[in-house]
Structure formats: structure tokens, C-alpha cells
C-alpha atoms as a PDB file:
ATOM      1  CA  MET A   1    -127.024-103.284 -65.726  1.00  0.00           C
ATOM      2  CA  VAL A   2    -130.649-104.368 -65.411  1.00  0.00           C
ATOM      3  CA  THR A   3    -133.170-102.935 -67.868  1.00  0.00           C
ATOM      4  CA  ILE A   4    -136.533-102.163 -66.338  1.00  0.00           C
ATOM      5  CA  GLU A   5    -139.169-101.715 -69.024  1.00  0.00           C
ATOM      6  CA  PRO A   6    -141.786-100.386 -69.720  1.00  0.00           C
ATOM      7  CA  ILE A   7    -141.162 -97.672 -67.132  1.00  0.00           C
ATOM      8  CA  ARG A   8    -141.003 -94.535 -69.268  1.00  0.00           C
ATOM      9  CA  VAL A   9    -138.602 -91.949 -67.913  1.00  0.00           C
ATOM     10  CA  GLU A  10    -138.251 -88.348 -69.050  1.00  0.00           C
ATOM     11  CA  THR A  11    -135.132 -86.339 -68.268  1.00  0.00           C
ATOM     12  CA  GLU A  12    -134.217 -82.687 -68.343  1.00  0.00           C
ATOM     13  CA  ARG A  13    -131.164 -80.701 -67.370  1.00  0.00           C
ATOM     14  CA  GLU A  14    -131.698 -78.115 -64.643  1.00  0.00           C
ATOM     15  CA  GLU A  15    -129.984 -74.708 -64.700  1.00  0.00           C
ATOM     16  CA  ASP A  16    -127.506 -75.895 -62.059  1.00  0.00           C
ATOM     17  CA  GLY A  17    -126.432 -78.808 -64.298  1.00  0.00           C
ATOM     18  CA  ARG A  18    -128.190 -81.598 -62.426  1.00  0.00           C
ATOM     19  CA  ILE A  19    -130.402 -84.007 -64.330  1.00  0.00           C
ATOM     20  CA  LEU A  20    -134.028 -84.391 -63.251  1.00  0.00           C
ATOM     21  CA  ALA A  21    -135.649 -87.706 -64.159  1.00  0.00           C
ATOM     22  CA  SER A  22    -139.389 -88.289 -63.799  1.00  0.00           C
ATOM     23  CA  VAL A  23    -141.899 -91.057 -64.503  1.00  0.00           C
ATOM     24  CA  PRO A  24    -144.904 -89.516 -66.294  1.00  0.00           C
ATOM     25  CA  ASP A  25    -147.163 -92.477 -65.454  1.00  0.00           C
ATOM     26  CA  LEU A  26    -146.511 -91.941 -61.719  1.00  0.00           C
ATOM     27  CA  PRO A  27    -147.008 -88.246 -60.977  1.00  0.00           C
ATOM     28  CA  GLY A  28    -144.595 -86.945 -58.368  1.00  0.00           C
ATOM     29  CA  VAL A  29    -142.041 -89.720 -58.886  1.00  0.00           C
ATOM     30  CA  MET A  30    -138.808 -87.935 -59.706  1.00  0.00           C
ATOM     31  CA  ALA A  31    -135.136 -87.939 -58.786  1.00  0.00           C
ATOM     32  CA  TYR A  32    -132.028 -85.882 -59.393  1.00  0.00           C
ATOM     33  CA  GLY A  33    -128.636 -87.130 -60.466  1.00  0.00           C
ATOM     34  CA  ASP A  34    -125.324 -85.663 -61.552  1.00  0.00           C
ATOM     35  CA  THR A  35    -125.570 -87.711 -64.762  1.00  0.00           C
ATOM     36  CA  GLU A  36    -128.500 -88.989 -66.794  1.00  0.00           C
ATOM     37  CA  PRO A  37    -127.802 -92.674 -66.010  1.00  0.00           C
ATOM     38  CA  GLU A  38    -127.646 -91.884 -62.290  1.00  0.00           C
ATOM     39  CA  ALA A  39    -130.936 -89.946 -62.350  1.00  0.00           C
ATOM     40  CA  VAL A  40    -132.671 -92.676 -64.382  1.00  0.00           C
ATOM     41  CA  ARG A  41    -131.402 -95.408 -62.050  1.00  0.00           C
ATOM     42  CA  LYS A  42    -132.624 -93.500 -58.994  1.00  0.00           C
ATOM     43  CA  VAL A  43    -136.065 -92.699 -60.407  1.00  0.00           C
ATOM     44  CA  LYS A  44    -136.638 -96.302 -61.529  1.00  0.00           C
ATOM     45  CA  ALA A  45    -135.793 -97.510 -58.005  1.00  0.00           C
ATOM     46  CA  ILE A  46    -138.297 -95.026 -56.554  1.00  0.00           C
ATOM     47  CA  ALA A  47    -140.926 -96.005 -59.142  1.00  0.00           C
ATOM     48  CA  LEU A  48    -140.581 -99.686 -58.282  1.00  0.00           C
ATOM     49  CA  GLN A  49    -141.026 -98.918 -54.573  1.00  0.00           C
ATOM     50  CA  VAL A  50    -144.115 -96.803 -55.300  1.00  0.00           C
ATOM     51  CA  LEU A  51    -145.556 -99.585 -57.479  1.00  0.00           C
ATOM     52  CA  ALA A  52    -144.856-102.192 -54.783  1.00  0.00           C
ATOM     53  CA  ASP A  53    -146.622-100.007 -52.216  1.00  0.00           C
ATOM     54  CA  MET A  54    -149.594 -99.580 -54.580  1.00  0.00           C
ATOM     55  CA  ILE A  55    -149.886-103.343 -55.050  1.00  0.00           C
ATOM     56  CA  GLU A  56    -149.526-104.019 -51.328  1.00  0.00           C
ATOM     57  CA  SER A  57    -152.310-101.557 -50.499  1.00  0.00           C
ATOM     58  CA  GLY A  58    -154.610-102.881 -53.238  1.00  0.00           C
ATOM     59  CA  GLU A  59    -154.446 -99.809 -55.469  1.00  0.00           C
ATOM     60  CA  ASP A  60    -154.711-100.131 -59.234  1.00  0.00           C
ATOM     61  CA  VAL A  61    -151.389 -99.901 -61.049  1.00  0.00           C
ATOM     62  CA  PRO A  62    -151.475 -97.446 -63.994  1.00  0.00           C
ATOM     63  CA  ALA A  63    -152.198 -99.339 -67.224  1.00  0.00           C
ATOM     64  CA  PRO A  64    -148.872 -98.660 -68.985  1.00  0.00           C
ATOM     65  CA  LEU A  65    -147.038-100.180 -66.012  1.00  0.00           C
ATOM     66  CA  SER A  66    -149.377-103.070 -65.222  1.00  0.00           C
ATOM     67  CA  VAL A  67    -147.541-105.363 -67.675  1.00  0.00           C
ATOM     68  CA  LEU A  68    -144.652-105.396 -65.196  1.00  0.00           C
ATOM     69  CA  PHE A  69    -146.865-107.315 -62.793  1.00  0.00           C
ATOM     70  CA  ALA A  70    -148.950-109.481 -65.137  1.00  0.00           C
ATOM     71  CA  ALA A  71    -149.210-113.047 -63.956  1.00  0.00           C
END
């Protein structure tokens, strides 16, 4: 398994049993999974795509995540 840091992920269990994972530094980036590892894996993949799109379009990457892309 690949560890992607420093993407901070928060998780919570929904009433239906699914796990919701979100990235607080990227509002709106969230994913569901049947297990916590699945939800975390999915939300990190989405976060990386969002960050790549931000970089491609010239947007500033949120400070806590900018170390991922430091030269």
C-alpha cells in the first residue's frame, strides 16, 4: 500500500453503516466506502485528482497540501 501524506482525512460512520471520508483542506472532496480503508483510499484518489486539476489550471494549492508538490 502507498502512503500519501500529508493529506489529512477525517472519517465517520453513517447511519446505514457506510464510512464517509473527507479531506478538510479540500472542501467538498469526500467519498464513501464499505470499510474505512476503502473510503480513505477513494478520497485520497479524488483529492490527488483535484490537486492535479488545481495545479494544471494555475490555482494555488492549499498550504497544508503544498508540500506534496514542492520542488
